[in-house]
């Protein structure tokens, strides 16, 4: 039985895995480039049209493909060599960023081309996500998966701060085309990392049926597997009911607290700092034990903090609640992903993680759409506060039938 390190030694131990260290270094640069481009695309869409509709349309093009191609990406992650699939997807993303740079630098870009290229990138990211998530399990031993997933989360949230800051500086001084060039260069680091790492041969599924049948097999597996089904449902509760608060922050900052852009920056930073702190805490924990309890507690805390944020009239108390919510959102995400990574069979890992990724990426958008619609009738505070309270009630009901993965004895 292996001994698990805890605290900072747990983080150092994960980075002692050469493959993981190389992969994470390349991925960190790539994530920064991704956030540079996201801000640049939004800026360019506004600059070209001065239209809120096109801002939303371009964001929609980046998000919506997860619901169409995500499950098929899960099948590919289970069928083929994940490192090679990642190489192909990263190379396509490099081509997309380079094309954006060329068209923008030469004054050829228009909103139709920007929408099309954003849709293309959304398809690539959605298709690649199950492979990217599954690959983490191939880079580290099973007992270190929690720390590895948490470090990836910290990298993602750090990139959310660093990327837009770089984008603002680059766009101001050198123009929006240069921001796309920065993203293209960042993909090169990820491609090099994927070429360098060496992984054991992936056990391939010998009997490949119709891809539609195989994609639906992942849904049937999740529904029939008691533990996995409940993990997916728990993530769905948070994605639909509490994580949409991030998308509603502009309205609260302006209409509720009368703080405008300054208030929005404070709320956004509070969630970001909380997310980084939560990722570091669960990374240094260095153990897979107790993850079901952490996941369920995180949803409860998140629901309470979102309700507090919705109903309080004190700005700094609202900001503090967002920081705590940021911690709980990340700990739930890391815990649920780790449980899935450990609980599912190897040949189903990509498909189940595609469902997790679909919920993680698409759920908050659906939740924000519904809560935004309700806010037209009841204001911003009551719908979001009720959603937070509902998430707490659901988890309290689930506690009567606690998540158990006794069959795998992983946690």
Protein backbone atom coordinates (compact mmCIF):
# COMPACT_ATOMS: atom_id res chain seq x y z
CA UNK A 1 0.00 0.00 0.00
CA UNK A 2 1.48 3.35 -1.06
CA UNK A 3 2.00 6.16 1.41
CA UNK A 4 0.50 9.47 0.38
CA UNK A 5 2.29 12.72 1.10
CA UNK A 6 0.34 15.69 2.39
CA UNK A 7 1.01 19.42 2.49
CA UNK A 8 3.57 20.92 0.12
CA UNK A 9 5.40 17.54 -0.17
CA UNK A 10 2.30 16.23 -1.97
CA UNK A 11 2.66 18.95 -4.60
CA UNK A 12 6.40 18.35 -4.95
CA UNK A 13 5.76 14.62 -5.29
CA UNK A 14 3.35 15.15 -8.20
CA UNK A 15 5.87 17.36 -9.99
CA UNK A 16 8.51 14.67 -9.54
CA UNK A 17 6.62 12.79 -12.27
CA UNK A 18 8.51 13.92 -15.38
CA UNK A 19 5.54 13.52 -17.71
CA UNK A 20 3.24 15.56 -15.48
CA UNK A 21 5.80 18.32 -14.92
CA UNK A 22 6.43 18.69 -18.67
CA UNK A 23 2.73 18.56 -19.53
CA UNK A 24 1.72 21.08 -16.85
CA UNK A 25 4.44 23.54 -17.91
CA UNK A 26 3.23 23.49 -21.51
CA UNK A 27 -0.42 23.56 -20.49
CA UNK A 28 0.07 26.59 -18.23
CA UNK A 29 1.45 28.70 -21.08
CA UNK A 30 -1.29 27.45 -23.39
CA UNK A 31 -4.01 28.41 -20.89
CA UNK A 32 -2.65 31.94 -20.60
CA UNK A 33 -2.72 32.23 -24.38
CA UNK A 34 -6.29 30.92 -24.41
CA UNK A 35 -7.46 33.69 -22.05
CA UNK A 36 -5.52 36.30 -24.03
CA UNK A 37 -7.44 35.25 -27.14
CA UNK A 38 -10.82 35.11 -25.38
CA UNK A 39 -10.54 38.72 -24.32
CA UNK A 40 -9.18 39.73 -27.73
CA UNK A 41 -12.05 38.01 -29.57
CA UNK A 42 -14.62 39.82 -27.43
CA UNK A 43 -12.88 43.13 -27.96
CA UNK A 44 -12.64 42.59 -31.72
CA UNK A 45 -16.31 41.56 -31.96
CA UNK A 46 -17.32 44.78 -30.22
CA UNK A 47 -14.89 46.88 -32.26
CA UNK A 48 -16.26 45.47 -35.53
CA UNK A 49 -19.97 45.79 -34.74
CA UNK A 50 -20.60 47.79 -31.53
CA UNK A 51 -23.35 45.17 -31.05
CA UNK A 52 -24.23 43.33 -27.87
CA UNK A 53 -25.91 40.68 -30.02
CA UNK A 54 -22.65 39.82 -31.79
CA UNK A 55 -20.79 39.77 -28.48
CA UNK A 56 -23.24 37.14 -27.27
CA UNK A 57 -23.20 35.29 -30.59
CA UNK A 58 -19.42 34.92 -30.58
CA UNK A 59 -19.49 33.70 -26.96
CA UNK A 60 -22.26 31.27 -27.91
CA UNK A 61 -20.14 29.93 -30.80
CA UNK A 62 -17.36 29.14 -28.36
CA UNK A 63 -19.66 27.40 -25.85
CA UNK A 64 -22.48 25.63 -27.68
CA UNK A 65 -20.41 22.91 -29.46
CA UNK A 66 -19.78 21.17 -26.11
CA UNK A 67 -23.37 19.89 -26.22
CA UNK A 68 -22.97 18.45 -29.73
CA UNK A 69 -19.42 17.16 -30.08
CA UNK A 70 -18.47 16.62 -26.42
CA UNK A 71 -19.89 13.08 -26.17
CA UNK A 72 -18.20 12.07 -29.43
CA UNK A 73 -14.93 13.49 -28.13
CA UNK A 74 -15.36 11.16 -25.16
CA UNK A 75 -15.62 8.16 -27.47
CA UNK A 76 -12.46 9.21 -29.33
CA UNK A 77 -10.64 9.61 -26.00
CA UNK A 78 -11.51 5.98 -25.19
CA UNK A 79 -10.75 4.62 -28.65
CA UNK A 80 -7.45 6.25 -29.63
CA UNK A 81 -4.09 7.28 -28.21
CA UNK A 82 -4.86 10.35 -26.09
CA UNK A 83 -1.48 11.99 -26.59
CA UNK A 84 -1.87 11.84 -30.38
CA UNK A 85 -5.45 13.13 -30.22
CA UNK A 86 -4.22 16.05 -28.09
CA UNK A 87 -1.44 16.78 -30.57
CA UNK A 88 -3.93 16.97 -33.44
CA UNK A 89 -6.31 19.24 -31.50
CA UNK A 90 -3.55 21.57 -30.34
CA UNK A 91 -2.20 21.79 -33.90
CA UNK A 92 -5.67 22.73 -35.18
CA UNK A 93 -5.95 25.39 -32.47
CA UNK A 94 -2.56 26.75 -33.54
CA UNK A 95 -3.87 27.01 -37.11
CA UNK A 96 -7.02 28.80 -35.92
CA UNK A 97 -5.06 31.37 -33.87
CA UNK A 98 -2.60 31.91 -36.74
CA UNK A 99 -5.48 32.47 -39.16
CA UNK A 100 -7.03 35.03 -36.82
CA UNK A 101 -3.69 36.82 -36.62
CA UNK A 102 -3.24 36.86 -40.39
CA UNK A 103 -6.77 38.06 -41.17
CA UNK A 104 -6.73 40.75 -38.47
CA UNK A 105 -3.21 41.99 -39.21
CA UNK A 106 -4.10 42.41 -42.88
CA UNK A 107 -7.48 44.07 -42.27
CA UNK A 108 -9.42 41.20 -43.84
CA UNK A 109 -11.32 40.12 -40.73
CA UNK A 110 -15.07 40.72 -40.47
CA UNK A 111 -17.69 39.59 -37.98
CA UNK A 112 -18.74 36.63 -40.12
CA UNK A 113 -15.19 35.29 -40.27
CA UNK A 114 -14.71 35.94 -36.55
CA UNK A 115 -17.90 34.04 -35.72
CA UNK A 116 -16.89 31.12 -37.97
CA UNK A 117 -13.39 30.88 -36.50
CA UNK A 118 -14.80 31.12 -32.96
CA UNK A 119 -17.21 28.29 -33.78
CA UNK A 120 -14.31 26.24 -35.19
CA UNK A 121 -12.30 26.79 -32.02
CA UNK A 122 -15.33 25.94 -29.86
CA UNK A 123 -15.66 22.63 -31.71
CA UNK A 124 -11.96 21.84 -31.22
CA UNK A 125 -12.01 22.68 -27.50
CA UNK A 126 -15.23 20.72 -26.92
CA UNK A 127 -13.95 17.71 -28.84
CA UNK A 128 -10.58 17.82 -27.06
CA UNK A 129 -11.84 18.32 -23.52
CA UNK A 130 -12.54 14.63 -22.67
CA UNK A 131 -9.09 13.67 -23.97
CA UNK A 132 -7.43 16.47 -22.01
CA UNK A 133 -9.20 15.47 -18.80
CA UNK A 134 -8.54 11.76 -19.31
CA UNK A 135 -4.86 12.34 -20.01
CA UNK A 136 -4.20 13.52 -16.45
CA UNK A 137 -4.86 10.01 -15.14
CA UNK A 138 -2.18 8.69 -17.53
CA UNK A 139 0.44 11.10 -16.19
CA UNK A 140 0.41 10.30 -12.45
CA UNK A 141 -0.21 7.28 -10.17
CA UNK A 142 -3.77 6.78 -8.92
CA UNK A 143 -2.99 8.01 -5.40
CA UNK A 144 -1.76 11.38 -6.74
CA UNK A 145 -4.70 12.15 -9.02
CA UNK A 146 -6.39 14.58 -6.57
CA UNK A 147 -3.29 16.75 -6.33
CA UNK A 148 -2.74 16.61 -10.10
CA UNK A 149 -6.33 17.67 -10.89
CA UNK A 150 -6.17 20.43 -8.28
CA UNK A 151 -2.93 21.83 -9.70
CA UNK A 152 -4.56 21.93 -13.14
CA UNK A 153 -7.42 23.92 -11.59
CA UNK A 154 -4.98 26.37 -10.00
CA UNK A 155 -3.23 26.80 -13.37
CA UNK A 156 -6.57 27.49 -15.06
CA UNK A 157 -7.61 30.10 -12.50
CA UNK A 158 -4.21 31.80 -12.51
CA UNK A 159 -4.49 32.02 -16.28
CA UNK A 160 -7.85 33.76 -15.85
CA UNK A 161 -5.99 36.59 -14.07
CA UNK A 162 -2.77 36.66 -16.08
CA UNK A 163 -4.27 36.18 -19.55
CA UNK A 164 -6.68 39.16 -19.60
CA UNK A 165 -4.00 41.40 -18.02
CA UNK A 166 -1.56 40.47 -20.80
CA UNK A 167 -4.30 40.87 -23.41
CA UNK A 168 -5.13 44.38 -22.21
CA UNK A 169 -1.47 45.39 -22.35
CA UNK A 170 -0.87 43.81 -25.77
CA UNK A 171 -4.05 45.21 -27.37
CA UNK A 172 -3.34 48.69 -26.04
CA UNK A 173 0.29 48.81 -27.18
CA UNK A 174 0.46 46.54 -30.22
CA UNK A 175 -3.10 45.94 -31.44
CA UNK A 176 -5.53 43.06 -31.27
CA UNK A 177 -3.78 41.04 -33.99
CA UNK A 178 -0.71 40.66 -31.76
CA UNK A 179 -2.91 39.10 -29.07
CA UNK A 180 -3.82 36.34 -31.50
CA UNK A 181 -0.12 35.86 -32.27
CA UNK A 182 0.56 35.46 -28.54
CA UNK A 183 -2.04 32.69 -28.37
CA UNK A 184 -0.59 30.96 -31.41
CA UNK A 185 2.87 30.96 -29.82
CA UNK A 186 1.44 29.56 -26.58
CA UNK A 187 0.12 26.50 -28.44
CA UNK A 188 3.65 25.71 -29.56
CA UNK A 189 4.67 25.14 -25.92
CA UNK A 190 1.84 22.64 -25.49
CA UNK A 191 2.69 20.83 -28.72
CA UNK A 192 6.34 20.53 -27.65
CA UNK A 193 5.27 19.18 -24.24
CA UNK A 194 3.06 16.53 -25.87
CA UNK A 195 5.92 15.47 -28.13
CA UNK A 196 8.33 15.17 -25.19
CA UNK A 197 6.18 13.14 -22.77
CA UNK A 198 6.32 9.35 -22.97
CA UNK A 199 3.30 7.33 -21.87
CA UNK A 200 2.68 3.59 -21.62
CA UNK A 201 0.56 2.14 -24.44
CA UNK A 202 -3.13 2.89 -23.89
CA UNK A 203 -5.37 -0.14 -23.63
CA UNK A 204 -7.66 0.24 -26.62
CA UNK A 205 -11.21 -0.94 -26.93
CA UNK A 206 -11.08 -3.95 -29.25
CA UNK A 207 -14.72 -3.96 -30.37
CA UNK A 208 -15.66 -0.55 -31.78
CA UNK A 209 -19.32 -0.13 -32.65
CA UNK A 210 -21.17 2.81 -34.19
CA UNK A 211 -19.94 6.08 -32.65
CA UNK A 212 -23.51 7.14 -31.79
CA UNK A 213 -24.03 3.87 -29.95
CA UNK A 214 -20.72 4.28 -28.12
CA UNK A 215 -21.52 7.87 -27.11
CA UNK A 216 -24.91 6.82 -25.71
CA UNK A 217 -23.17 3.95 -23.90
CA UNK A 218 -21.43 6.54 -21.74
CA UNK A 219 -24.77 8.01 -20.70
CA UNK A 220 -26.17 4.55 -19.95
CA UNK A 221 -23.06 3.69 -17.93
CA UNK A 222 -23.36 6.86 -15.82
CA UNK A 223 -27.08 6.26 -15.24
CA UNK A 224 -26.59 2.63 -14.19
CA UNK A 225 -23.48 3.20 -12.04
CA UNK A 226 -24.91 4.39 -8.72
CA UNK A 227 -21.81 6.26 -7.56
CA UNK A 228 -20.97 7.88 -10.90
CA UNK A 229 -24.58 8.89 -11.51
CA UNK A 230 -24.74 10.65 -8.15
CA UNK A 231 -21.40 12.38 -8.71
CA UNK A 232 -22.61 13.70 -12.08
CA UNK A 233 -25.88 14.82 -10.48
CA UNK A 234 -24.03 16.63 -7.69
CA UNK A 235 -21.93 18.50 -10.23
CA UNK A 236 -25.11 19.36 -12.16
CA UNK A 237 -26.68 20.90 -9.04
CA UNK A 238 -23.72 23.24 -8.58
CA UNK A 239 -23.39 24.05 -12.30
CA UNK A 240 -27.05 25.03 -12.71
CA UNK A 241 -27.80 26.66 -9.36
CA UNK A 242 -24.69 28.32 -7.88
CA UNK A 243 -21.94 28.72 -10.51
CA UNK A 244 -24.15 31.01 -12.67
CA UNK A 245 -23.47 33.74 -10.10
CA UNK A 246 -20.26 34.50 -12.04
CA UNK A 247 -22.27 35.46 -15.13
CA UNK A 248 -24.69 37.62 -13.13
CA UNK A 249 -22.01 39.66 -11.32
CA UNK A 250 -22.20 42.67 -13.69
CA UNK A 251 -25.86 43.16 -12.85
CA UNK A 252 -25.26 42.88 -9.09
CA UNK A 253 -22.24 45.19 -9.16
CA UNK A 254 -24.18 47.90 -11.00
CA UNK A 255 -27.88 47.55 -10.16
CA UNK A 256 -27.73 46.10 -6.63
CA UNK A 257 -24.57 47.59 -5.09
CA UNK A 258 -24.13 50.65 -7.39
CA UNK A 259 -20.38 50.00 -7.67
CA UNK A 260 -20.13 49.71 -11.46
CA UNK A 261 -16.99 48.36 -13.08
CA UNK A 262 -14.98 48.72 -9.88
CA UNK A 263 -17.41 46.50 -8.00
CA UNK A 264 -17.41 43.95 -10.80
CA UNK A 265 -13.61 43.80 -10.70
CA UNK A 266 -13.66 43.24 -6.93
CA UNK A 267 -16.30 40.48 -7.14
CA UNK A 268 -14.50 38.76 -10.01
CA UNK A 269 -11.16 38.94 -8.22
CA UNK A 270 -12.73 37.60 -5.02
CA UNK A 271 -14.03 34.50 -6.84
CA UNK A 272 -10.69 34.08 -8.59
CA UNK A 273 -8.60 34.34 -5.44
CA UNK A 274 -10.96 31.97 -3.67
CA UNK A 275 -10.68 29.49 -6.53
CA UNK A 276 -6.88 29.59 -6.39
CA UNK A 277 -6.91 29.16 -2.61
CA UNK A 278 -9.32 26.22 -2.88
CA UNK A 279 -7.18 24.59 -5.54
CA UNK A 280 -4.00 24.96 -3.46
CA UNK A 281 -5.74 23.58 -0.35
CA UNK A 282 -7.03 20.44 -2.02
CA UNK A 283 -3.74 19.98 -3.91
CA UNK A 284 -1.61 20.01 -0.78
CA UNK A 285 -4.10 17.73 0.97
CA UNK A 286 -2.47 14.87 -0.94
CA UNK A 287 -5.18 12.26 -0.39
CA UNK A 288 -8.18 10.82 -2.20
CA UNK A 289 -9.88 9.96 1.09
CA UNK A 290 -13.06 11.78 2.04
CA UNK A 291 -13.74 13.26 -1.38
CA UNK A 292 -17.51 12.51 -1.37
CA UNK A 293 -17.86 14.46 1.88
CA UNK A 294 -15.77 17.34 0.50
CA UNK A 295 -17.85 17.48 -2.69
CA UNK A 296 -21.19 17.55 -0.89
CA UNK A 297 -20.00 20.02 1.75
CA UNK A 298 -18.69 22.28 -1.03
CA UNK A 299 -22.09 22.43 -2.73
CA UNK A 300 -23.76 23.28 0.58
CA UNK A 301 -21.24 26.05 1.34
CA UNK A 302 -21.50 27.37 -2.20
CA UNK A 303 -25.31 27.51 -1.94
CA UNK A 304 -25.16 29.32 1.39
CA UNK A 305 -22.63 31.85 0.10
CA UNK A 306 -24.62 32.53 -3.07
CA UNK A 307 -27.77 33.10 -0.99
CA UNK A 308 -25.86 35.41 1.35
CA UNK A 309 -24.48 37.33 -1.63
CA UNK A 310 -27.98 37.68 -3.08
CA UNK A 311 -29.66 39.02 0.03
CA UNK A 312 -27.00 41.09 1.80
CA UNK A 313 -26.85 44.84 1.32
CA UNK A 314 -23.24 45.10 2.56
CA UNK A 315 -20.77 45.24 -0.32
CA UNK A 316 -17.73 43.82 1.45
CA UNK A 317 -19.75 41.00 3.01
CA UNK A 318 -20.94 40.18 -0.51
CA UNK A 319 -17.32 40.20 -1.76
CA UNK A 320 -16.25 37.91 1.10
CA UNK A 321 -19.09 35.51 0.27
CA UNK A 322 -17.86 35.36 -3.33
CA UNK A 323 -14.36 34.47 -2.15
CA UNK A 324 -15.70 31.58 -0.07
CA UNK A 325 -17.94 30.53 -2.97
CA UNK A 326 -14.85 30.48 -5.21
CA UNK A 327 -13.14 28.08 -2.79
CA UNK A 328 -16.12 25.74 -2.65
CA UNK A 329 -16.71 25.72 -6.43
CA UNK A 330 -13.15 24.60 -7.11
CA UNK A 331 -13.06 21.99 -4.35
CA UNK A 332 -16.31 20.49 -5.65
CA UNK A 333 -15.00 20.46 -9.22
CA UNK A 334 -11.71 18.81 -8.25
CA UNK A 335 -13.38 16.30 -5.94
CA UNK A 336 -16.02 15.20 -8.45
CA UNK A 337 -13.54 14.94 -11.32
CA UNK A 338 -11.12 12.91 -9.16
CA UNK A 339 -13.86 10.52 -8.06
CA UNK A 340 -14.84 9.93 -11.67
CA UNK A 341 -11.22 9.45 -12.73
CA UNK A 342 -10.82 6.79 -10.02
CA UNK A 343 -14.21 5.09 -10.11
CA UNK A 344 -14.88 4.44 -13.80
CA UNK A 345 -13.43 1.67 -15.90
CA UNK A 346 -10.49 2.62 -18.12
CA UNK A 347 -12.40 2.01 -21.36
CA UNK A 348 -15.22 4.37 -20.25
CA UNK A 349 -13.16 7.17 -18.72
CA UNK A 350 -13.27 9.53 -21.71
CA UNK A 351 -17.03 9.22 -22.18
CA UNK A 352 -17.87 9.84 -18.52
CA UNK A 353 -15.46 12.76 -18.33
CA UNK A 354 -17.13 14.18 -21.45
CA UNK A 355 -20.39 14.32 -19.46
CA UNK A 356 -18.58 15.97 -16.54
CA UNK A 357 -17.00 18.48 -18.93
CA UNK A 358 -20.32 19.20 -20.63
CA UNK A 359 -21.90 20.02 -17.28
CA UNK A 360 -18.86 22.00 -16.08
CA UNK A 361 -18.68 24.14 -19.22
CA UNK A 362 -22.30 24.35 -20.34
CA UNK A 363 -24.29 24.08 -17.11
CA UNK A 364 -23.53 27.59 -15.77
CA UNK A 365 -24.55 29.16 -19.10
CA UNK A 366 -27.93 27.41 -19.00
CA UNK A 367 -28.37 28.33 -15.35
CA UNK A 368 -27.47 31.96 -16.00
CA UNK A 369 -29.93 32.08 -18.90
CA UNK A 370 -32.78 30.78 -16.72
CA UNK A 371 -31.93 32.95 -13.72
CA UNK A 372 -31.50 35.98 -15.98
CA UNK A 373 -34.94 35.36 -17.45
CA UNK A 374 -36.47 35.08 -13.96
CA UNK A 375 -34.72 38.29 -12.90
CA UNK A 376 -36.86 40.14 -15.45
CA UNK A 377 -39.89 39.31 -13.29
CA UNK A 378 -38.47 39.18 -9.75
CA UNK A 379 -35.22 41.16 -9.86
CA UNK A 380 -31.72 39.73 -9.57
CA UNK A 381 -31.59 38.87 -5.88
CA UNK A 382 -34.56 36.57 -5.33
CA UNK A 383 -34.01 34.07 -8.16
CA UNK A 384 -30.29 33.63 -7.39
CA UNK A 385 -30.91 33.44 -3.64
CA UNK A 386 -33.60 30.82 -4.17
CA UNK A 387 -31.27 28.84 -6.43
CA UNK A 388 -28.60 28.82 -3.73
CA UNK A 389 -31.12 27.68 -1.13
CA UNK A 390 -32.46 24.98 -3.46
CA UNK A 391 -28.96 23.58 -3.97
CA UNK A 392 -28.53 23.28 -0.20
CA UNK A 393 -31.87 21.47 0.16
CA UNK A 394 -31.02 19.01 -2.62
CA UNK A 395 -27.68 18.08 -1.06
CA UNK A 396 -29.22 17.71 2.39
CA UNK A 397 -31.67 15.24 0.85
CA UNK A 398 -28.77 13.43 -0.83
CA UNK A 399 -27.03 13.09 2.54
CA UNK A 400 -29.75 10.65 3.52
CA UNK A 401 -28.30 8.42 0.78
CA UNK A 402 -24.57 9.23 0.89
CA UNK A 403 -22.27 8.69 -2.08
CA UNK A 404 -20.52 5.36 -1.69
CA UNK A 405 -17.78 4.01 -3.87
CA UNK A 406 -17.18 1.05 -1.60
CA UNK A 407 -16.80 -1.31 -4.55
CA UNK A 408 -13.60 0.45 -5.65
CA UNK A 409 -12.50 1.26 -2.06
CA UNK A 410 -10.84 4.39 -3.44
CA UNK A 411 -11.88 6.98 -0.92
